[in-house]
Amino acid sequence: MKTKLTIFLSILVIYNGIRYLVYIMDGSTHTYDYVMFSINVLALVLVIYSILKDRSLNNRKKRKNS
């Protein structure tokens, strides 16, 4: 994934995750808030996985070329 896109997605997912976490901690929550918070946490995990995967592939390519 491109660096700018990864940064944008990370910021967006973190912002939404914090927003839904605040809704949950506020007390007046619905199932929708829990589901959206869970989806945002899952998306954040996937973005982190994508970053780590790209770095791993880049490191392997560098080792092969050396």
PDB file of N, CA and C in Angstrom:
ATOM      1  N   MET A   1       0.846  -1.169   0.000  1.00  0.00           N
ATOM      2  CA  MET A   1       0.000   0.000   0.000  1.00  0.00           C
ATOM      3  C   MET A   1       0.893   1.234   0.000  1.00  0.00           C
ATOM      4  N   LYS A   2       0.457   2.267  -0.637  1.00  0.00           N
ATOM      5  CA  LYS A   2       1.233   3.508  -0.681  1.00  0.00           C
ATOM      6  C   LYS A   2       1.303   4.141   0.704  1.00  0.00           C
ATOM      7  N   THR A   3       2.378   4.856   0.937  1.00  0.00           N
ATOM      8  CA  THR A   3       2.620   5.445   2.251  1.00  0.00           C
ATOM      9  C   THR A   3       1.565   6.483   2.617  1.00  0.00           C
ATOM     10  N   LYS A   4       1.243   7.370   1.678  1.00  0.00           N
ATOM     11  CA  LYS A   4       0.253   8.419   1.983  1.00  0.00           C
ATOM     12  C   LYS A   4      -1.122   7.823   2.260  1.00  0.00           C
ATOM     13  N   LEU A   5      -1.486   6.798   1.500  1.00  0.00           N
ATOM     14  CA  LEU A   5      -2.774   6.148   1.710  1.00  0.00           C
ATOM     15  C   LEU A   5      -2.801   5.437   3.061  1.00  0.00           C
ATOM     16  N   THR A   6      -1.715   4.803   3.414  1.00  0.00           N
ATOM     17  CA  THR A   6      -1.633   4.122   4.700  1.00  0.00           C
ATOM     18  C   THR A   6      -1.759   5.100   5.856  1.00  0.00           C
ATOM     19  N   ILE A   7      -1.083   6.225   5.748  1.00  0.00           N
ATOM     20  CA  ILE A   7      -1.161   7.244   6.800  1.00  0.00           C
ATOM     21  C   ILE A   7      -2.576   7.793   6.905  1.00  0.00           C
ATOM     22  N   PHE A   8      -3.195   8.074   5.767  1.00  0.00           N
ATOM     23  CA  PHE A   8      -4.562   8.588   5.755  1.00  0.00           C
ATOM     24  C   PHE A   8      -5.527   7.592   6.387  1.00  0.00           C
ATOM     25  N   LEU A   9      -5.431   6.315   6.000  1.00  0.00           N
ATOM     26  CA  LEU A   9      -6.319   5.299   6.558  1.00  0.00           C
ATOM     27  C   LEU A   9      -6.094   5.127   8.057  1.00  0.00           C
ATOM     28  N   SER A  10      -4.842   5.179   8.473  1.00  0.00           N
ATOM     29  CA  SER A  10      -4.545   5.044   9.900  1.00  0.00           C
ATOM     30  C   SER A  10      -5.177   6.172  10.703  1.00  0.00           C
ATOM     31  N   ILE A  11      -5.012   7.392  10.233  1.00  0.00           N
ATOM     32  CA  ILE A  11      -5.586   8.549  10.935  1.00  0.00           C
ATOM     33  C   ILE A  11      -7.106   8.465  10.966  1.00  0.00           C
ATOM     34  N   LEU A  12      -7.704   8.098   9.847  1.00  0.00           N
ATOM     35  CA  LEU A  12      -9.158   7.991   9.764  1.00  0.00           C
ATOM     36  C   LEU A  12      -9.699   6.918  10.701  1.00  0.00           C
ATOM     37  N   VAL A  13      -9.069   5.775  10.715  1.00  0.00           N
ATOM     38  CA  VAL A  13      -9.533   4.675  11.565  1.00  0.00           C
ATOM     39  C   VAL A  13      -9.322   5.005  13.043  1.00  0.00           C
ATOM     40  N   ILE A  14      -8.200   5.609  13.384  1.00  0.00           N
ATOM     41  CA  ILE A  14      -7.958   5.989  14.775  1.00  0.00           C
ATOM     42  C   ILE A  14      -8.978   7.025  15.227  1.00  0.00           C
ATOM     43  N   TYR A  15      -9.247   8.019  14.376  1.00  0.00           N
ATOM     44  CA  TYR A  15     -10.244   9.043  14.713  1.00  0.00           C
ATOM     45  C   TYR A  15     -11.613   8.415  14.951  1.00  0.00           C
ATOM     46  N   ASN A  16     -12.046   7.557  14.036  1.00  0.00           N
ATOM     47  CA  ASN A  16     -13.358   6.924  14.190  1.00  0.00           C
ATOM     48  C   ASN A  16     -13.395   6.002  15.402  1.00  0.00           C
ATOM     49  N   GLY A  17     -12.300   5.289  15.642  1.00  0.00           N
ATOM     50  CA  GLY A  17     -12.253   4.415  16.808  1.00  0.00           C
ATOM     51  C   GLY A  17     -12.389   5.185  18.097  1.00  0.00           C
ATOM     52  N   ILE A  18     -11.698   6.315  18.193  1.00  0.00           N
ATOM     53  CA  ILE A  18     -11.802   7.162  19.385  1.00  0.00           C
ATOM     54  C   ILE A  18     -13.208   7.720  19.523  1.00  0.00           C
ATOM     55  N   ARG A  19     -13.790   8.107  18.412  1.00  0.00           N
ATOM     56  CA  ARG A  19     -15.152   8.665  18.450  1.00  0.00           C
ATOM     57  C   ARG A  19     -16.147   7.641  18.988  1.00  0.00           C
ATOM     58  N   TYR A  20     -16.087   6.404  18.470  1.00  0.00           N
ATOM     59  CA  TYR A  20     -17.018   5.388  18.949  1.00  0.00           C
ATOM     60  C   TYR A  20     -16.692   4.937  20.363  1.00  0.00           C
ATOM     61  N   LEU A  21     -15.429   4.968  20.754  1.00  0.00           N
ATOM     62  CA  LEU A  21     -15.066   4.648  22.132  1.00  0.00           C
ATOM     63  C   LEU A  21     -15.645   5.681  23.091  1.00  0.00           C
ATOM     64  N   VAL A  22     -15.627   6.948  22.695  1.00  0.00           N
ATOM     65  CA  VAL A  22     -16.230   7.999  23.517  1.00  0.00           C
ATOM     66  C   VAL A  22     -17.729   7.780  23.634  1.00  0.00           C
ATOM     67  N   TYR A  23     -18.380   7.388  22.544  1.00  0.00           N
ATOM     68  CA  TYR A  23     -19.814   7.094  22.613  1.00  0.00           C
ATOM     69  C   TYR A  23     -20.083   5.960  23.600  1.00  0.00           C
ATOM     70  N   ILE A  24     -19.262   4.927  23.554  1.00  0.00           N
ATOM     71  CA  ILE A  24     -19.450   3.778  24.444  1.00  0.00           C
ATOM     72  C   ILE A  24     -19.211   4.179  25.893  1.00  0.00           C
ATOM     73  N   MET A  25     -18.176   4.959  26.140  1.00  0.00           N
ATOM     74  CA  MET A  25     -17.863   5.373  27.510  1.00  0.00           C
ATOM     75  C   MET A  25     -18.862   6.390  28.049  1.00  0.00           C
ATOM     76  N   ASP A  26     -19.564   7.073  27.151  1.00  0.00           N
ATOM     77  CA  ASP A  26     -20.551   8.065  27.566  1.00  0.00           C
ATOM     78  C   ASP A  26     -21.733   7.406  28.275  1.00  0.00           C
ATOM     79  N   GLY A  27     -22.032   6.189  27.896  1.00  0.00           N
ATOM     80  CA  GLY A  27     -23.080   5.469  28.603  1.00  0.00           C
ATOM     81  C   GLY A  27     -24.348   5.259  27.800  1.00  0.00           C
ATOM     82  N   SER A  28     -24.712   6.193  26.967  1.00  0.00           N
ATOM     83  CA  SER A  28     -25.942   6.044  26.187  1.00  0.00           C
ATOM     84  C   SER A  28     -25.583   5.417  24.837  1.00  0.00           C
ATOM     85  N   THR A  29     -25.391   4.120  24.842  1.00  0.00           N
ATOM     86  CA  THR A  29     -24.930   3.445  23.631  1.00  0.00           C
ATOM     87  C   THR A  29     -25.989   2.526  23.069  1.00  0.00           C
ATOM     88  N   HIS A  30     -25.783   2.225  21.826  1.00  0.00           N
ATOM     89  CA  HIS A  30     -26.621   1.267  21.117  1.00  0.00           C
ATOM     90  C   HIS A  30     -25.710   0.184  20.558  1.00  0.00           C
ATOM     91  N   THR A  31     -26.298  -0.858  20.064  1.00  0.00           N
ATOM     92  CA  THR A  31     -25.527  -1.934  19.458  1.00  0.00           C
ATOM     93  C   THR A  31     -24.709  -1.412  18.291  1.00  0.00           C
ATOM     94  N   TYR A  32     -25.237  -0.438  17.579  1.00  0.00           N
ATOM     95  CA  TYR A  32     -24.541   0.163  16.450  1.00  0.00           C
ATOM     96  C   TYR A  32     -23.166   0.698  16.853  1.00  0.00           C
ATOM     97  N   ASP A  33     -23.088   1.340  18.007  1.00  0.00           N
ATOM     98  CA  ASP A  33     -21.815   1.894  18.475  1.00  0.00           C
ATOM     99  C   ASP A  33     -20.793   0.795  18.739  1.00  0.00           C
ATOM    100  N   TYR A  34     -21.227  -0.291  19.354  1.00  0.00           N
ATOM    101  CA  TYR A  34     -20.320  -1.406  19.610  1.00  0.00           C
ATOM    102  C   TYR A  34     -19.838  -2.052  18.313  1.00  0.00           C
ATOM    103  N   VAL A  35     -20.742  -2.215  17.376  1.00  0.00           N
ATOM    104  CA  VAL A  35     -20.382  -2.827  16.090  1.00  0.00           C
ATOM    105  C   VAL A  35     -19.409  -1.936  15.338  1.00  0.00           C
ATOM    106  N   MET A  36     -19.680  -0.653  15.281  1.00  0.00           N
ATOM    107  CA  MET A  36     -18.791   0.262  14.557  1.00  0.00           C
ATOM    108  C   MET A  36     -17.428   0.361  15.233  1.00  0.00           C
ATOM    109  N   PHE A  37     -17.395   0.346  16.560  1.00  0.00           N
ATOM    110  CA  PHE A  37     -16.114   0.355  17.267  1.00  0.00           C
ATOM    111  C   PHE A  37     -15.332  -0.913  16.946  1.00  0.00           C
ATOM    112  N   SER A  38     -16.009  -2.046  16.931  1.00  0.00           N
ATOM    113  CA  SER A  38     -15.343  -3.311  16.610  1.00  0.00           C
ATOM    114  C   SER A  38     -14.803  -3.314  15.189  1.00  0.00           C
ATOM    115  N   ILE A  39     -15.562  -2.785  14.255  1.00  0.00           N
ATOM    116  CA  ILE A  39     -15.115  -2.710  12.862  1.00  0.00           C
ATOM    117  C   ILE A  39     -13.897  -1.806  12.744  1.00  0.00           C
ATOM    118  N   ASN A  40     -13.890  -0.704  13.471  1.00  0.00           N
ATOM    119  CA  ASN A  40     -12.748   0.206  13.437  1.00  0.00           C
ATOM    120  C   ASN A  40     -11.504  -0.429  14.052  1.00  0.00           C
ATOM    121  N   VAL A  41     -11.660  -1.172  15.115  1.00  0.00           N
ATOM    122  CA  VAL A  41     -10.512  -1.861  15.710  1.00  0.00           C
ATOM    123  C   VAL A  41      -9.977  -2.907  14.733  1.00  0.00           C
ATOM    124  N   LEU A  42     -10.869  -3.641  14.087  1.00  0.00           N
ATOM    125  CA  LEU A  42     -10.456  -4.622  13.085  1.00  0.00           C
ATOM    126  C   LEU A  42      -9.725  -3.950  11.923  1.00  0.00           C
ATOM    127  N   ALA A  43     -10.238  -2.823  11.470  1.00  0.00           N
ATOM    128  CA  ALA A  43      -9.592  -2.082  10.381  1.00  0.00           C
ATOM    129  C   ALA A  43      -8.211  -1.598  10.802  1.00  0.00           C
ATOM    130  N   LEU A  44      -8.067  -1.144  12.021  1.00  0.00           N
ATOM    131  CA  LEU A  44      -6.764  -0.697  12.513  1.00  0.00           C
ATOM    132  C   LEU A  44      -5.770  -1.856  12.554  1.00  0.00           C
ATOM    133  N   VAL A  45      -6.224  -3.011  12.978  1.00  0.00           N
ATOM    134  CA  VAL A  45      -5.364  -4.200  12.981  1.00  0.00           C
ATOM    135  C   VAL A  45      -4.934  -4.546  11.560  1.00  0.00           C
ATOM    136  N   LEU A  46      -5.848  -4.463  10.603  1.00  0.00           N
ATOM    137  CA  LEU A  46      -5.516  -4.765   9.212  1.00  0.00           C
ATOM    138  C   LEU A  46      -4.535  -3.756   8.625  1.00  0.00           C
ATOM    139  N   VAL A  47      -4.678  -2.499   8.975  1.00  0.00           N
ATOM    140  CA  VAL A  47      -3.742  -1.479   8.490  1.00  0.00           C
ATOM    141  C   VAL A  47      -2.352  -1.730   9.070  1.00  0.00           C
ATOM    142  N   ILE A  48      -2.277  -2.050  10.352  1.00  0.00           N
ATOM    143  CA  ILE A  48      -0.984  -2.343  10.975  1.00  0.00           C
ATOM    144  C   ILE A  48      -0.368  -3.590  10.340  1.00  0.00           C
ATOM    145  N   TYR A  49      -1.181  -4.603  10.097  1.00  0.00           N
ATOM    146  CA  TYR A  49      -0.700  -5.817   9.434  1.00  0.00           C
ATOM    147  C   TYR A  49      -0.160  -5.499   8.044  1.00  0.00           C
ATOM    148  N   SER A  50      -0.869  -4.650   7.321  1.00  0.00           N
ATOM    149  CA  SER A  50      -0.431  -4.260   5.978  1.00  0.00           C
ATOM    150  C   SER A  50       0.915  -3.538   6.018  1.00  0.00           C
ATOM    151  N   ILE A  51       1.086  -2.649   6.986  1.00  0.00           N
ATOM    152  CA  ILE A  51       2.349  -1.920   7.124  1.00  0.00           C
ATOM    153  C   ILE A  51       3.487  -2.892   7.419  1.00  0.00           C
ATOM    154  N   LEU A  52       3.255  -3.810   8.348  1.00  0.00           N
ATOM    155  CA  LEU A  52       4.298  -4.773   8.705  1.00  0.00           C
ATOM    156  C   LEU A  52       4.623  -5.714   7.555  1.00  0.00           C
ATOM    157  N   LYS A  53       3.609  -6.108   6.811  1.00  0.00           N
ATOM    158  CA  LYS A  53       3.807  -6.992   5.664  1.00  0.00           C
ATOM    159  C   LYS A  53       4.636  -6.293   4.585  1.00  0.00           C
ATOM    160  N   ASP A  54       4.312  -5.039   4.287  1.00  0.00           N
ATOM    161  CA  ASP A  54       5.066  -4.284   3.284  1.00  0.00           C
ATOM    162  C   ASP A  54       6.518  -4.107   3.705  1.00  0.00           C
ATOM    163  N   ARG A  55       6.753  -3.824   4.958  1.00  0.00           N
ATOM    164  CA  ARG A  55       8.127  -3.668   5.445  1.00  0.00           C
ATOM    165  C   ARG A  55       8.886  -4.982   5.346  1.00  0.00           C
ATOM    166  N   SER A  56       8.210  -6.075   5.656  1.00  0.00           N
ATOM    167  CA  SER A  56       8.846  -7.381   5.580  1.00  0.00           C
ATOM    168  C   SER A  56       9.238  -7.709   4.138  1.00  0.00           C
ATOM    169  N   LEU A  57       8.342  -7.428   3.200  1.00  0.00           N
ATOM    170  CA  LEU A  57       8.643  -7.683   1.787  1.00  0.00           C
ATOM    171  C   LEU A  57       9.782  -6.807   1.294  1.00  0.00           C
ATOM    172  N   ASN A  58       9.800  -5.556   1.717  1.00  0.00           N
ATOM    173  CA  ASN A  58      10.874  -4.654   1.318  1.00  0.00           C
ATOM    174  C   ASN A  58      12.219  -5.113   1.868  1.00  0.00           C
ATOM    175  N   ASN A  59      12.234  -5.599   3.105  1.00  0.00           N
ATOM    176  CA  ASN A  59      13.478  -6.093   3.698  1.00  0.00           C
ATOM    177  C   ASN A  59      13.988  -7.331   2.966  1.00  0.00           C
ATOM    178  N   ARG A  60      13.071  -8.211   2.542  1.00  0.00           N
ATOM    179  CA  ARG A  60      13.485  -9.401   1.802  1.00  0.00           C
ATOM    180  C   ARG A  60      14.060  -9.038   0.449  1.00  0.00           C
ATOM    181  N   LYS A  61      13.438  -8.065  -0.218  1.00  0.00           N
ATOM    182  CA  LYS A  61      13.954  -7.631  -1.523  1.00  0.00           C
ATOM    183  C   LYS A  61      15.342  -7.032  -1.389  1.00  0.00           C
ATOM    184  N   LYS A  62      15.559  -6.263  -0.332  1.00  0.00           N
ATOM    185  CA  LYS A  62      16.869  -5.651  -0.112  1.00  0.00           C
ATOM    186  C   LYS A  62      17.926  -6.722   0.150  1.00  0.00           C
ATOM    187  N   ARG A  63      17.564  -7.756   0.903  1.00  0.00           N
ATOM    188  CA  ARG A  63      18.514  -8.836   1.198  1.00  0.00           C
ATOM    189  C   ARG A  63      18.886  -9.615  -0.067  1.00  0.00           C
ATOM    190  N   LYS A  64      17.891  -9.849  -0.939  1.00  0.00           N
ATOM    191  CA  LYS A  64      18.149 -10.569  -2.186  1.00  0.00           C
ATOM    192  C   LYS A  64      19.076  -9.788  -3.103  1.00  0.00           C
ATOM    193  N   ASN A  65      18.889  -8.501  -3.169  1.00  0.00           N
ATOM    194  CA  ASN A  65      19.681  -7.662  -4.059  1.00  0.00           C
ATOM    195  C   ASN A  65      21.101  -7.447  -3.545  1.00  0.00           C
ATOM    196  N   SER A  66      21.334  -7.687  -2.264  1.00  0.00           N
ATOM    197  CA  SER A  66      22.677  -7.460  -1.705  1.00  0.00           C
ATOM    198  C   SER A  66      23.633  -8.576  -2.029  1.00  0.00           C
TER     199      SER A  66
END
